[in-house]
Amino acid sequence: MQFQKVSGKKSDHKVTIYALSTCVWCKLTKQFLSDNGVAYEYADVDLLDVKDKNEAHQAITSKGGTLSYPTTIVDDKTVITGFRKDQLKEVLGV
């Protein structure tokens, strides 16, 4: 699966976002991270081929997440579903 990487000054956490290209909440999550200088990678699941979509779904559900977007995974363990500034701030220390 191909991820788009977004650089930032804060790269002490591995942040992965599974998003939809047309989702307002997904765009707000990406914007929040960019505004706070957090480096992250993302995949717009609706633009992936079937094999990669299945891989994305497996990555989300294997961590206990639901197939809801955006799903942000921090350090391969913390799953945040939806645009939750409070949780993002707490986990990322921003």
C-alpha atoms as a PDB file:
ATOM      1  CA  MET A   1       0.000   0.000   0.000  1.00  0.00           C
ATOM      2  CA  GLN A   2       1.312   3.427  -0.939  1.00  0.00           C
ATOM      3  CA  PHE A   3       1.202   6.176   1.692  1.00  0.00           C
ATOM      4  CA  GLN A   4       1.565   9.894   1.099  1.00  0.00           C
ATOM      5  CA  LYS A   5       4.114  11.364   3.505  1.00  0.00           C
ATOM      6  CA  VAL A   6       3.743  14.819   5.005  1.00  0.00           C
ATOM      7  CA  SER A   7       6.803  16.233   6.729  1.00  0.00           C
ATOM      8  CA  GLY A   8       6.739  18.156   9.967  1.00  0.00           C
ATOM      9  CA  LYS A   9       9.039  19.347  12.739  1.00  0.00           C
ATOM     10  CA  LYS A  10       7.528  16.898  15.211  1.00  0.00           C
ATOM     11  CA  SER A  11       8.409  13.381  14.132  1.00  0.00           C
ATOM     12  CA  ASP A  12       8.764  11.650  17.503  1.00  0.00           C
ATOM     13  CA  HIS A  13       5.581   9.630  16.863  1.00  0.00           C
ATOM     14  CA  LYS A  14       4.635   7.455  13.917  1.00  0.00           C
ATOM     15  CA  VAL A  15       1.274   8.833  12.784  1.00  0.00           C
ATOM     16  CA  THR A  16      -0.750   7.044  10.105  1.00  0.00           C
ATOM     17  CA  ILE A  17      -4.134   8.254   8.869  1.00  0.00           C
ATOM     18  CA  TYR A  18      -6.603   6.154   6.912  1.00  0.00           C
ATOM     19  CA  ALA A  19      -8.886   8.668   5.243  1.00  0.00           C
ATOM     20  CA  LEU A  20     -11.379   9.220   2.435  1.00  0.00           C
ATOM     21  CA  SER A  21     -10.516  11.771  -0.246  1.00  0.00           C
ATOM     22  CA  THR A  22     -13.920  13.486   0.027  1.00  0.00           C
ATOM     23  CA  CYS A  23     -14.262  13.447   3.837  1.00  0.00           C
ATOM     24  CA  VAL A  24     -14.335  16.841   5.570  1.00  0.00           C
ATOM     25  CA  TRP A  25     -13.329  15.333   8.936  1.00  0.00           C
ATOM     26  CA  CYS A  26     -10.372  13.611   7.273  1.00  0.00           C
ATOM     27  CA  LYS A  27      -9.230  16.914   5.784  1.00  0.00           C
ATOM     28  CA  LEU A  28      -9.602  18.625   9.173  1.00  0.00           C
ATOM     29  CA  THR A  29      -7.482  15.922  10.825  1.00  0.00           C
ATOM     30  CA  LYS A  30      -4.718  16.330   8.233  1.00  0.00           C
ATOM     31  CA  GLN A  31      -4.902  20.125   8.568  1.00  0.00           C
ATOM     32  CA  PHE A  32      -4.726  19.939  12.368  1.00  0.00           C
ATOM     33  CA  LEU A  33      -1.584  17.797  12.205  1.00  0.00           C
ATOM     34  CA  SER A  34       0.021  20.066   9.589  1.00  0.00           C
ATOM     35  CA  ASP A  35      -0.855  23.206  11.576  1.00  0.00           C
ATOM     36  CA  ASN A  36       0.852  21.667  14.621  1.00  0.00           C
ATOM     37  CA  GLY A  37       3.954  20.603  12.684  1.00  0.00           C
ATOM     38  CA  VAL A  38       3.352  16.878  13.127  1.00  0.00           C
ATOM     39  CA  ALA A  39       4.854  14.562  10.490  1.00  0.00           C
ATOM     40  CA  TYR A  40       2.393  11.926   9.289  1.00  0.00           C
ATOM     41  CA  GLU A  41       1.531   9.578   6.486  1.00  0.00           C
ATOM     42  CA  TYR A  42      -1.882   8.912   5.039  1.00  0.00           C
ATOM     43  CA  ALA A  43      -3.776   6.803   2.561  1.00  0.00           C
ATOM     44  CA  ASP A  44      -7.070   7.830   0.971  1.00  0.00           C
ATOM     45  CA  VAL A  45      -8.760   4.431   1.179  1.00  0.00           C
ATOM     46  CA  ASP A  46     -11.451   5.236  -1.401  1.00  0.00           C
ATOM     47  CA  LEU A  47      -8.732   5.771  -4.029  1.00  0.00           C
ATOM     48  CA  LEU A  48      -6.955   2.454  -3.390  1.00  0.00           C
ATOM     49  CA  ASP A  49      -7.356  -0.686  -5.468  1.00  0.00           C
ATOM     50  CA  VAL A  50      -9.226  -3.650  -3.974  1.00  0.00           C
ATOM     51  CA  LYS A  51      -6.102  -5.390  -2.656  1.00  0.00           C
ATOM     52  CA  ASP A  52      -4.831  -2.256  -0.901  1.00  0.00           C
ATOM     53  CA  LYS A  53      -8.315  -1.439   0.453  1.00  0.00           C
ATOM     54  CA  ASN A  54      -8.434  -4.872   2.063  1.00  0.00           C
ATOM     55  CA  GLU A  55      -4.947  -4.295   3.487  1.00  0.00           C
ATOM     56  CA  ALA A  56      -6.054  -0.942   4.948  1.00  0.00           C
ATOM     57  CA  HIS A  57      -9.190  -2.490   6.455  1.00  0.00           C
ATOM     58  CA  GLN A  58      -7.071  -5.256   8.005  1.00  0.00           C
ATOM     59  CA  ALA A  59      -4.597  -2.714   9.423  1.00  0.00           C
ATOM     60  CA  ILE A  60      -7.430  -0.779  11.086  1.00  0.00           C
ATOM     61  CA  THR A  61      -9.398  -3.733  12.464  1.00  0.00           C
ATOM     62  CA  SER A  62      -6.300  -5.595  13.684  1.00  0.00           C
ATOM     63  CA  LYS A  63      -5.615  -2.670  16.043  1.00  0.00           C
ATOM     64  CA  GLY A  64      -9.185  -2.721  17.358  1.00  0.00           C
ATOM     65  CA  GLY A  65     -10.474   0.095  15.166  1.00  0.00           C
ATOM     66  CA  THR A  66     -13.716   0.232  13.222  1.00  0.00           C
ATOM     67  CA  LEU A  67     -14.021   1.018   9.527  1.00  0.00           C
ATOM     68  CA  SER A  68     -14.843   4.645  10.114  1.00  0.00           C
ATOM     69  CA  TYR A  69     -12.893   7.601   8.765  1.00  0.00           C
ATOM     70  CA  PRO A  70     -10.635   9.202   9.572  1.00  0.00           C
ATOM     71  CA  THR A  71      -8.840   6.538  11.572  1.00  0.00           C
ATOM     72  CA  THR A  72      -5.552   7.774  13.010  1.00  0.00           C
ATOM     73  CA  ILE A  73      -3.074   5.257  14.397  1.00  0.00           C
ATOM     74  CA  VAL A  74      -0.267   6.604  16.567  1.00  0.00           C
ATOM     75  CA  ASP A  75       2.846   4.487  17.184  1.00  0.00           C
ATOM     76  CA  ASP A  76       1.048   1.375  15.884  1.00  0.00           C
ATOM     77  CA  LYS A  77      -0.996   1.119  19.081  1.00  0.00           C
ATOM     78  CA  THR A  78      -3.279   4.091  19.790  1.00  0.00           C
ATOM     79  CA  VAL A  79      -6.349   4.203  17.522  1.00  0.00           C
ATOM     80  CA  ILE A  80      -8.343   7.432  17.217  1.00  0.00           C
ATOM     81  CA  THR A  81     -11.528   7.305  15.181  1.00  0.00           C
ATOM     82  CA  GLY A  82     -12.934  10.559  13.848  1.00  0.00           C
ATOM     83  CA  PHE A  83     -11.616  14.104  14.136  1.00  0.00           C
ATOM     84  CA  ARG A  84     -10.750  14.215  17.836  1.00  0.00           C
ATOM     85  CA  LYS A  85      -8.500  17.186  18.526  1.00  0.00           C
ATOM     86  CA  ASP A  86      -8.552  16.457  22.258  1.00  0.00           C
ATOM     87  CA  GLN A  87      -7.232  12.920  21.803  1.00  0.00           C
ATOM     88  CA  LEU A  88      -4.701  13.940  19.158  1.00  0.00           C
ATOM     89  CA  LYS A  89      -3.354  16.703  21.429  1.00  0.00           C
ATOM     90  CA  GLU A  90      -3.049  14.323  24.359  1.00  0.00           C
ATOM     91  CA  VAL A  91      -1.347  11.486  22.487  1.00  0.00           C
ATOM     92  CA  LEU A  92       0.979  13.704  20.435  1.00  0.00           C
ATOM     93  CA  GLY A  93       1.713  16.285  23.121  1.00  0.00           C
ATOM     94  CA  VAL A  94       0.769  19.280  20.985  1.00  0.00           C
END
